Amino acid sequence: MIVLDVLDPGQLLAVQQGLAGAPFRDGRATAGAAAERVKLNEQARGDDPGVIDLARKVRLALETHPTFRSLVRPARWSSLMFSRYGPGQQYGLHADNAAMYDDDGWPLRTDISFTLFLSDPQTYEGGALLLRDLAGDREFRPAAGSAVLYPTGQLHRVTPVTSGVRLACVGWVQSMIRRADQRELLFDLERVRRRPDAEDAELLLDKTIGNLLRMWGED
């Protein structure tokens, strides 16, 4: 799912300018054994005070975004990471780890992954986030300031950048609600509560009632 306008233009510019002067290193330094073989990018140093401050601001923007908050229902967060891809760089097909670490070094279960795009798609070529599921491959190159959310266990990749520079922030969340179908039920109900007179409100309620009947029904 794409969540639009996580960062407003002023916030986006501040992050872009902050990353322009941030120290970067080989992205493989933070990759697991399997991902290390297919990862080719650069990553902002997570121990740099400026990068830490940028991550804090991005997390606050995500936490206060109404769609992200009601869809994800975050309980715990991994450390956020800023990635940079130049021409020829990419991240091959992989699945993220089932457990990661928060800012204090404590492990957390990863339910939802997100990529927050920080570069205008007109300034670079390639660099799509490709998600693979039973329906096939889908590619995403949304507007800067928008985030793509997906289940952490889903296979995905970043296609090769052929020109320009692709900046993004990636992170992982442990939700208060472990099951994705239950999170979707709550999200649909939140949408109806916010806009009870919306054209699709009755359809969302019908969908929710049907899903609850399937969830609770007995043979």
Protein backbone atom coordinates (compact mmCIF):
# COMPACT_ATOMS: atom_id res chain seq x y z
CA MET A 1 0.00 0.00 0.00
CA ILE A 2 1.17 3.53 -0.77
CA VAL A 3 0.78 6.14 1.98
CA LEU A 4 0.95 9.60 0.42
CA ASP A 5 2.38 12.80 1.89
CA VAL A 6 4.13 11.34 4.92
CA LEU A 7 6.54 14.27 4.65
CA ASP A 8 5.35 17.71 3.59
CA PRO A 9 7.58 19.74 1.20
CA GLY A 10 9.39 21.51 4.03
CA GLN A 11 10.10 18.30 5.93
CA LEU A 12 11.22 16.57 2.74
CA LEU A 13 13.64 19.37 1.87
CA ALA A 14 15.09 19.31 5.40
CA VAL A 15 15.76 15.56 5.15
CA GLN A 16 17.27 15.88 1.68
CA GLN A 17 19.57 18.68 2.81
CA GLY A 18 20.54 16.79 5.94
CA LEU A 19 21.47 13.69 3.96
CA ALA A 20 23.52 15.77 1.49
CA GLY A 21 26.08 16.34 4.24
CA ALA A 22 25.71 13.01 6.05
CA PRO A 23 28.43 10.33 6.09
CA PHE A 24 27.58 7.22 4.05
CA ARG A 25 29.19 3.78 3.96
CA ASP A 26 28.85 0.51 2.06
CA GLY A 27 25.30 -0.79 2.65
CA ARG A 28 26.54 -4.34 3.04
CA ALA A 29 27.81 -3.42 6.51
CA THR A 30 24.28 -3.85 7.89
CA ALA A 31 23.11 -6.72 5.66
CA GLY A 32 22.57 -10.29 6.80
CA ALA A 33 24.54 -13.13 5.28
CA ALA A 34 22.04 -13.78 2.48
CA ALA A 35 21.26 -10.13 1.72
CA GLU A 36 24.93 -9.18 1.68
CA ARG A 37 25.38 -11.13 -1.56
CA VAL A 38 22.75 -9.10 -3.42
CA LYS A 39 22.99 -5.67 -1.77
CA LEU A 40 24.81 -2.88 -3.60
CA ASN A 41 24.07 0.56 -2.20
CA GLU A 42 25.25 3.10 0.34
CA GLN A 43 23.81 3.72 3.77
CA ALA A 44 23.98 6.72 6.07
CA ARG A 45 25.93 5.99 9.24
CA GLY A 46 23.41 5.28 11.99
CA ASP A 47 25.78 6.51 14.70
CA ASP A 48 26.10 10.02 13.23
CA PRO A 49 24.24 12.62 15.38
CA GLY A 50 22.78 14.35 12.32
CA VAL A 51 21.49 11.07 10.90
CA ILE A 52 20.01 10.12 14.28
CA ASP A 53 18.14 13.44 14.35
CA LEU A 54 16.82 12.94 10.82
CA ALA A 55 15.62 9.43 11.71
CA ARG A 56 13.83 10.81 14.76
CA LYS A 57 12.01 13.41 12.64
CA VAL A 58 11.00 10.86 10.00
CA ARG A 59 9.68 8.48 12.63
CA LEU A 60 7.62 11.27 14.20
CA ALA A 61 6.12 12.10 10.79
CA LEU A 62 5.17 8.44 10.31
CA GLU A 63 3.77 8.08 13.84
CA THR A 64 1.53 11.12 13.42
CA HIS A 65 0.32 10.33 9.90
CA PRO A 66 -3.31 9.18 10.35
CA THR A 67 -3.26 6.55 7.60
CA PHE A 68 0.04 5.03 8.69
CA ARG A 69 -1.02 5.05 12.34
CA SER A 70 -4.38 3.33 11.79
CA LEU A 71 -3.05 0.86 9.23
CA VAL A 72 0.14 -0.19 11.05
CA ARG A 73 -0.73 0.41 14.74
CA PRO A 74 2.96 0.51 15.69
CA ALA A 75 4.05 -0.90 19.03
CA ARG A 76 7.81 -0.95 18.48
CA TRP A 77 10.18 0.34 15.81
CA SER A 78 13.47 -0.81 14.37
CA SER A 79 16.22 1.72 13.90
CA LEU A 80 15.46 3.62 10.70
CA MET A 81 18.04 3.55 7.91
CA PHE A 82 18.70 5.95 5.03
CA SER A 83 19.88 4.38 1.77
CA ARG A 84 21.40 5.90 -1.35
CA TYR A 85 21.59 4.30 -4.80
CA GLY A 86 23.62 5.70 -7.68
CA PRO A 87 23.96 4.46 -11.27
CA GLY A 88 24.55 0.71 -11.40
CA GLN A 89 23.52 0.10 -7.80
CA GLN A 90 20.62 -2.14 -6.79
CA TYR A 91 19.37 -4.54 -4.11
CA GLY A 92 18.61 -8.03 -5.38
CA LEU A 93 15.60 -10.13 -4.50
CA HIS A 94 15.43 -10.93 -0.78
CA ALA A 95 13.18 -11.15 2.27
CA ASP A 96 13.80 -9.06 5.38
CA ASN A 97 14.68 -10.64 8.70
CA ALA A 98 11.86 -11.80 10.99
CA ALA A 99 13.51 -10.06 13.95
CA MET A 100 15.52 -6.85 14.16
CA TYR A 101 16.62 -4.39 16.83
CA ASP A 102 15.26 -1.13 18.15
CA ASP A 103 17.33 1.95 18.98
CA ASP A 104 18.13 0.51 22.41
CA GLY A 105 19.38 -2.78 21.03
CA TRP A 106 16.35 -4.86 22.04
CA PRO A 107 15.00 -7.41 19.52
CA LEU A 108 11.57 -6.94 18.00
CA ARG A 109 9.30 -8.96 15.72
CA THR A 110 9.06 -7.43 12.25
CA ASP A 111 5.47 -7.38 10.97
CA ILE A 112 5.54 -4.52 8.46
CA SER A 113 8.31 -3.08 6.30
CA PHE A 114 8.23 0.36 4.74
CA THR A 115 10.21 2.33 2.21
CA LEU A 116 9.82 6.11 2.39
CA PHE A 117 10.88 7.63 -0.93
CA LEU A 118 12.96 10.80 -0.60
CA SER A 119 13.89 11.54 -4.24
CA ASP A 120 11.61 12.99 -6.90
CA PRO A 121 11.08 10.12 -9.39
CA GLN A 122 11.85 12.53 -12.24
CA THR A 123 15.42 12.95 -10.95
CA TYR A 124 16.46 9.31 -11.34
CA GLU A 125 15.80 6.34 -13.62
CA GLY A 126 15.24 2.77 -12.42
CA GLY A 127 15.37 2.22 -8.69
CA ALA A 128 11.83 0.88 -8.40
CA LEU A 129 10.76 -1.04 -5.32
CA LEU A 130 9.63 -4.38 -6.75
CA LEU A 131 7.32 -6.54 -4.63
CA ARG A 132 6.75 -10.18 -5.55
CA ASP A 133 3.68 -12.18 -4.50
CA LEU A 134 1.41 -14.87 -5.95
CA ALA A 135 -0.07 -12.34 -8.37
CA GLY A 136 3.34 -11.53 -9.85
CA ASP A 137 5.70 -8.56 -9.62
CA ARG A 138 4.62 -5.00 -8.90
CA GLU A 139 6.91 -1.98 -9.15
CA PHE A 140 6.61 1.27 -7.17
CA ARG A 141 8.25 4.65 -7.80
CA PRO A 142 5.94 7.03 -5.92
CA ALA A 143 6.33 10.75 -5.34
CA ALA A 144 8.97 11.88 -2.88
CA GLY A 145 7.56 11.98 0.65
CA SER A 146 5.37 8.91 0.07
CA ALA A 147 5.85 5.50 1.70
CA VAL A 148 5.21 1.98 0.45
CA LEU A 149 4.15 -0.56 3.12
CA TYR A 150 4.39 -4.32 2.70
CA PRO A 151 4.50 -7.48 4.85
CA THR A 152 8.03 -8.02 6.11
CA GLY A 153 8.22 -11.59 4.81
CA GLN A 154 7.40 -10.59 1.23
CA LEU A 155 10.10 -11.03 -1.40
CA HIS A 156 11.22 -7.70 -2.82
CA ARG A 157 14.09 -5.91 -4.51
CA VAL A 158 15.29 -2.49 -5.67
CA THR A 159 15.80 -2.52 -9.43
CA PRO A 160 19.06 -1.09 -10.81
CA VAL A 161 19.38 2.68 -10.90
CA THR A 162 20.46 3.72 -14.39
CA SER A 163 20.83 7.47 -13.82
CA GLY A 164 20.51 9.99 -10.99
CA VAL A 165 20.39 9.22 -7.28
CA ARG A 166 17.67 7.43 -5.35
CA LEU A 167 17.34 8.31 -1.65
CA ALA A 168 15.02 6.45 0.69
CA CYS A 169 14.39 5.70 4.34
CA VAL A 170 13.61 2.11 5.27
CA GLY A 171 12.36 0.63 8.52
CA TRP A 172 10.42 -2.15 10.19
CA VAL A 173 7.61 -2.13 12.72
CA GLN A 174 6.20 -4.54 15.26
CA SER A 175 2.46 -3.91 15.28
CA MET A 176 0.16 -4.04 18.29
CA ILE A 177 -1.92 -6.39 16.11
CA ARG A 178 0.15 -9.32 14.86
CA ARG A 179 -2.27 -10.63 12.20
CA ALA A 180 -2.55 -8.71 8.94
CA ASP A 181 -6.24 -9.61 8.41
CA GLN A 182 -7.14 -8.20 11.82
CA ARG A 183 -5.21 -5.00 11.11
CA GLU A 184 -7.15 -4.65 7.87
CA LEU A 185 -10.48 -5.05 9.68
CA LEU A 186 -9.58 -2.30 12.12
CA PHE A 187 -8.31 -0.05 9.33
CA ASP A 188 -11.57 -0.38 7.39
CA LEU A 189 -13.60 0.39 10.50
CA GLU A 190 -11.45 3.47 11.18
CA ARG A 191 -12.16 4.69 7.64
CA VAL A 192 -15.90 4.31 8.16
CA ARG A 193 -15.73 6.07 11.51
CA ARG A 194 -13.86 9.02 10.01
CA ARG A 195 -16.19 9.29 7.00
CA PRO A 196 -19.53 7.60 7.81
CA ASP A 197 -21.22 9.35 4.87
CA ALA A 198 -18.57 8.34 2.32
CA GLU A 199 -19.71 6.56 -0.81
CA ASP A 200 -17.82 3.37 0.09
CA ALA A 201 -18.76 3.29 3.79
CA GLU A 202 -21.53 0.70 3.33
CA LEU A 203 -19.25 -1.45 1.18
CA LEU A 204 -16.51 -1.34 3.82
CA LEU A 205 -19.00 -2.39 6.50
CA ASP A 206 -20.27 -5.25 4.33
CA LYS A 207 -16.67 -6.33 3.74
CA THR A 208 -15.88 -6.19 7.46
CA ILE A 209 -19.00 -8.13 8.46
CA GLY A 210 -18.20 -10.81 5.89
CA ASN A 211 -14.60 -11.11 7.04
CA LEU A 212 -15.66 -11.35 10.69
CA LEU A 213 -18.17 -14.07 9.83
CA ARG A 214 -15.41 -16.02 8.08
CA MET A 215 -13.03 -15.42 10.96
CA TRP A 216 -15.47 -16.46 13.70
CA GLY A 217 -17.68 -18.94 11.85
CA GLU A 218 -17.65 -22.62 12.77
CA ASP A 219 -18.31 -25.63 10.53
